[in-house]
Amino acid sequence: MTDSDTFGASAAGLPSRGVTVRVVLYPGEDGHVVAECPELPGCMSQGRDRSDALANIREAVEGWLDVEAASGTSRRTVEIVELAV
């Protein structure tokens, strides 16, 4: 695993669900790193640094997917595009 992304990597001791999602990282007002998953509405977290934020958003994504599975609904289709301005 490189420092640039976590594609194909799972946290130690945790099985992968085989789901890949995009995560947006940006600085929060309090100096923490905010992590947001635009493909899963409302799924976001934060951490003291990049590594902490990625670990926390992984946990948030797992929880989001658990709730989705328990409710019997499927996640919304989200279109992510790049826009030059």
N, C-alpha and C. Protein backbone atom coordinates (compact mmCIF):
# COMPACT_ATOMS: atom_id res chain seq x y z
N MET A 1 0.85 -1.18 0.00
CA MET A 1 0.00 0.00 0.00
C MET A 1 0.89 1.23 0.00
N THR A 2 0.58 2.16 -0.87
CA THR A 2 1.32 3.41 -0.90
C THR A 2 0.63 4.44 -0.04
N ASP A 3 1.31 5.55 0.21
CA ASP A 3 0.71 6.62 0.99
C ASP A 3 -0.33 7.38 0.18
N SER A 4 -0.34 7.20 -1.15
CA SER A 4 -1.22 7.99 -1.99
C SER A 4 -2.65 7.47 -2.04
N ASP A 5 -2.87 6.18 -1.85
CA ASP A 5 -4.24 5.68 -1.82
C ASP A 5 -4.29 4.34 -1.10
N THR A 6 -5.50 3.85 -0.90
CA THR A 6 -5.68 2.58 -0.19
C THR A 6 -6.37 1.55 -1.06
N PHE A 7 -6.36 1.72 -2.37
CA PHE A 7 -7.04 0.79 -3.26
C PHE A 7 -6.53 -0.63 -3.04
N GLY A 8 -7.44 -1.52 -2.81
CA GLY A 8 -7.09 -2.92 -2.64
C GLY A 8 -6.56 -3.28 -1.27
N ALA A 9 -6.46 -2.32 -0.37
CA ALA A 9 -5.93 -2.59 0.97
C ALA A 9 -7.05 -2.59 1.99
N SER A 10 -6.93 -3.46 2.97
CA SER A 10 -7.89 -3.44 4.06
C SER A 10 -7.12 -3.27 5.36
N ALA A 11 -7.79 -2.76 6.35
CA ALA A 11 -7.14 -2.58 7.64
C ALA A 11 -6.77 -3.93 8.22
N ALA A 12 -5.71 -3.97 8.98
CA ALA A 12 -5.23 -5.23 9.56
C ALA A 12 -6.34 -5.92 10.34
N GLY A 13 -6.55 -7.19 10.05
CA GLY A 13 -7.54 -7.98 10.78
C GLY A 13 -8.97 -7.79 10.31
N LEU A 14 -9.20 -6.90 9.36
CA LEU A 14 -10.56 -6.67 8.87
C LEU A 14 -10.70 -7.20 7.46
N PRO A 15 -11.72 -8.01 7.21
CA PRO A 15 -11.91 -8.50 5.84
C PRO A 15 -12.42 -7.39 4.94
N SER A 16 -12.08 -7.47 3.68
CA SER A 16 -12.57 -6.51 2.71
C SER A 16 -13.93 -6.97 2.21
N ARG A 17 -14.85 -6.05 1.99
CA ARG A 17 -16.17 -6.38 1.43
C ARG A 17 -16.11 -6.41 -0.09
N GLY A 18 -15.00 -6.02 -0.66
CA GLY A 18 -14.89 -5.97 -2.11
C GLY A 18 -15.57 -4.74 -2.68
N VAL A 19 -15.84 -3.74 -1.85
CA VAL A 19 -16.47 -2.50 -2.29
C VAL A 19 -15.40 -1.42 -2.33
N THR A 20 -15.34 -0.69 -3.42
CA THR A 20 -14.42 0.43 -3.54
C THR A 20 -15.24 1.71 -3.63
N VAL A 21 -14.92 2.67 -2.80
CA VAL A 21 -15.61 3.96 -2.82
C VAL A 21 -14.57 5.07 -2.91
N ARG A 22 -14.99 6.21 -3.39
CA ARG A 22 -14.12 7.38 -3.46
C ARG A 22 -14.23 8.16 -2.16
N VAL A 23 -13.11 8.67 -1.70
CA VAL A 23 -13.08 9.47 -0.47
C VAL A 23 -12.40 10.80 -0.79
N VAL A 24 -13.03 11.87 -0.37
CA VAL A 24 -12.48 13.21 -0.54
C VAL A 24 -11.90 13.64 0.80
N LEU A 25 -10.66 14.07 0.80
CA LEU A 25 -9.99 14.54 2.01
C LEU A 25 -9.75 16.04 1.89
N TYR A 26 -10.02 16.78 2.96
CA TYR A 26 -9.74 18.21 2.96
C TYR A 26 -9.54 18.69 4.40
N PRO A 27 -8.84 19.81 4.57
CA PRO A 27 -8.59 20.30 5.92
C PRO A 27 -9.86 20.86 6.55
N GLY A 28 -10.07 20.51 7.82
CA GLY A 28 -11.19 21.04 8.57
C GLY A 28 -10.80 22.34 9.25
N GLU A 29 -11.79 23.05 9.73
CA GLU A 29 -11.54 24.33 10.39
C GLU A 29 -10.74 24.18 11.68
N ASP A 30 -10.82 23.01 12.29
CA ASP A 30 -10.14 22.79 13.58
C ASP A 30 -8.75 22.20 13.42
N GLY A 31 -8.24 22.13 12.19
CA GLY A 31 -6.91 21.57 11.95
C GLY A 31 -6.91 20.07 11.68
N HIS A 32 -8.06 19.42 11.86
CA HIS A 32 -8.17 18.00 11.55
C HIS A 32 -8.34 17.81 10.04
N VAL A 33 -8.24 16.57 9.60
CA VAL A 33 -8.49 16.22 8.20
C VAL A 33 -9.89 15.64 8.11
N VAL A 34 -10.72 16.21 7.24
CA VAL A 34 -12.08 15.73 7.04
C VAL A 34 -12.06 14.72 5.90
N ALA A 35 -12.80 13.62 6.07
CA ALA A 35 -12.92 12.59 5.03
C ALA A 35 -14.40 12.42 4.73
N GLU A 36 -14.73 12.51 3.45
CA GLU A 36 -16.13 12.43 3.04
C GLU A 36 -16.26 11.47 1.87
N CYS A 37 -17.30 10.67 1.89
CA CYS A 37 -17.56 9.71 0.81
C CYS A 37 -18.80 10.17 0.05
N PRO A 38 -18.64 10.90 -1.06
CA PRO A 38 -19.79 11.44 -1.76
C PRO A 38 -20.73 10.39 -2.34
N GLU A 39 -20.27 9.17 -2.52
CA GLU A 39 -21.11 8.11 -3.07
C GLU A 39 -22.10 7.57 -2.04
N LEU A 40 -21.83 7.83 -0.76
CA LEU A 40 -22.70 7.35 0.30
C LEU A 40 -23.21 8.58 1.06
N PRO A 41 -24.38 9.06 0.73
CA PRO A 41 -24.89 10.31 1.30
C PRO A 41 -24.81 10.34 2.83
N GLY A 42 -24.20 11.40 3.34
CA GLY A 42 -24.08 11.60 4.78
C GLY A 42 -22.91 10.88 5.42
N CYS A 43 -22.14 10.15 4.64
CA CYS A 43 -21.03 9.37 5.20
C CYS A 43 -19.77 10.22 5.22
N MET A 44 -19.38 10.64 6.42
CA MET A 44 -18.17 11.43 6.57
C MET A 44 -17.58 11.21 7.96
N SER A 45 -16.32 11.57 8.10
CA SER A 45 -15.63 11.45 9.37
C SER A 45 -14.46 12.43 9.36
N GLN A 46 -13.60 12.34 10.35
CA GLN A 46 -12.41 13.17 10.40
C GLN A 46 -11.35 12.48 11.24
N GLY A 47 -10.15 13.01 11.21
CA GLY A 47 -9.06 12.48 12.02
C GLY A 47 -8.00 13.54 12.25
N ARG A 48 -7.09 13.25 13.17
CA ARG A 48 -6.01 14.19 13.48
C ARG A 48 -5.08 14.41 12.30
N ASP A 49 -4.91 13.35 11.48
CA ASP A 49 -4.06 13.43 10.29
C ASP A 49 -4.69 12.57 9.20
N ARG A 50 -4.03 12.49 8.05
CA ARG A 50 -4.55 11.75 6.89
C ARG A 50 -4.81 10.29 7.23
N SER A 51 -3.86 9.66 7.87
CA SER A 51 -3.97 8.25 8.20
C SER A 51 -5.14 7.99 9.15
N ASP A 52 -5.27 8.83 10.16
CA ASP A 52 -6.37 8.72 11.12
C ASP A 52 -7.72 8.94 10.43
N ALA A 53 -7.78 9.94 9.53
CA ALA A 53 -9.03 10.22 8.81
C ALA A 53 -9.43 9.05 7.93
N LEU A 54 -8.46 8.42 7.27
CA LEU A 54 -8.76 7.27 6.42
C LEU A 54 -9.25 6.07 7.24
N ALA A 55 -8.64 5.85 8.39
CA ALA A 55 -9.10 4.75 9.26
C ALA A 55 -10.52 5.03 9.74
N ASN A 56 -10.80 6.28 10.09
CA ASN A 56 -12.13 6.63 10.59
C ASN A 56 -13.20 6.57 9.50
N ILE A 57 -12.86 7.00 8.27
CA ILE A 57 -13.87 6.95 7.21
C ILE A 57 -14.12 5.50 6.81
N ARG A 58 -13.12 4.64 6.92
CA ARG A 58 -13.34 3.22 6.63
C ARG A 58 -14.38 2.66 7.60
N GLU A 59 -14.26 3.01 8.87
CA GLU A 59 -15.23 2.57 9.86
C GLU A 59 -16.62 3.15 9.56
N ALA A 60 -16.67 4.41 9.15
CA ALA A 60 -17.95 5.04 8.81
C ALA A 60 -18.59 4.37 7.60
N VAL A 61 -17.78 4.03 6.59
CA VAL A 61 -18.30 3.35 5.40
C VAL A 61 -18.84 1.98 5.79
N GLU A 62 -18.10 1.24 6.61
CA GLU A 62 -18.57 -0.07 7.07
C GLU A 62 -19.93 0.07 7.76
N GLY A 63 -20.07 1.06 8.64
CA GLY A 63 -21.34 1.29 9.33
C GLY A 63 -22.45 1.66 8.37
N TRP A 64 -22.13 2.52 7.41
CA TRP A 64 -23.12 2.93 6.41
C TRP A 64 -23.62 1.71 5.64
N LEU A 65 -22.68 0.86 5.22
CA LEU A 65 -23.06 -0.34 4.47
C LEU A 65 -23.86 -1.31 5.33
N ASP A 66 -23.53 -1.41 6.62
CA ASP A 66 -24.31 -2.27 7.53
C ASP A 66 -25.75 -1.79 7.64
N VAL A 67 -25.94 -0.48 7.80
CA VAL A 67 -27.29 0.08 7.89
C VAL A 67 -28.05 -0.15 6.58
N GLU A 68 -27.37 0.05 5.47
CA GLU A 68 -28.00 -0.19 4.17
C GLU A 68 -28.45 -1.64 4.05
N ALA A 69 -27.59 -2.58 4.43
CA ALA A 69 -27.92 -4.00 4.34
C ALA A 69 -29.10 -4.35 5.25
N ALA A 70 -29.12 -3.79 6.45
CA ALA A 70 -30.19 -4.08 7.40
C ALA A 70 -31.53 -3.50 6.94
N SER A 71 -31.48 -2.37 6.23
CA SER A 71 -32.72 -1.73 5.80
C SER A 71 -33.26 -2.32 4.50
N GLY A 72 -32.41 -3.07 3.79
CA GLY A 72 -32.84 -3.68 2.53
C GLY A 72 -32.88 -2.71 1.37
N THR A 73 -32.33 -1.52 1.55
CA THR A 73 -32.28 -0.55 0.45
C THR A 73 -30.91 -0.61 -0.21
N SER A 74 -30.84 -0.08 -1.41
CA SER A 74 -29.54 -0.03 -2.08
C SER A 74 -29.07 1.41 -2.12
N ARG A 75 -27.75 1.59 -2.17
CA ARG A 75 -27.21 2.95 -2.17
C ARG A 75 -27.61 3.66 -3.46
N ARG A 76 -27.70 4.96 -3.34
CA ARG A 76 -28.09 5.78 -4.49
C ARG A 76 -27.01 5.76 -5.56
N THR A 77 -27.44 5.92 -6.78
CA THR A 77 -26.49 6.06 -7.87
C THR A 77 -26.02 7.50 -7.88
N VAL A 78 -24.73 7.69 -7.79
CA VAL A 78 -24.14 9.02 -7.75
C VAL A 78 -23.23 9.15 -8.95
N GLU A 79 -23.34 10.27 -9.63
CA GLU A 79 -22.44 10.55 -10.74
C GLU A 79 -21.39 11.56 -10.28
N ILE A 80 -20.15 11.20 -10.44
CA ILE A 80 -19.06 12.09 -10.06
C ILE A 80 -18.32 12.46 -11.36
N VAL A 81 -18.26 13.76 -11.61
CA VAL A 81 -17.62 14.26 -12.82
C VAL A 81 -16.59 15.31 -12.47
N GLU A 82 -15.65 15.52 -13.36
CA GLU A 82 -14.71 16.62 -13.22
C GLU A 82 -15.19 17.74 -14.12
N LEU A 83 -15.17 18.95 -13.58
CA LEU A 83 -15.64 20.11 -14.31
C LEU A 83 -14.54 21.16 -14.35
N ALA A 84 -14.12 21.54 -15.53
CA ALA A 84 -13.12 22.58 -15.67
C ALA A 84 -13.80 23.93 -15.71
N VAL A 85 -13.34 24.86 -14.89
CA VAL A 85 -13.92 26.22 -14.87
C VAL A 85 -12.85 27.26 -15.04
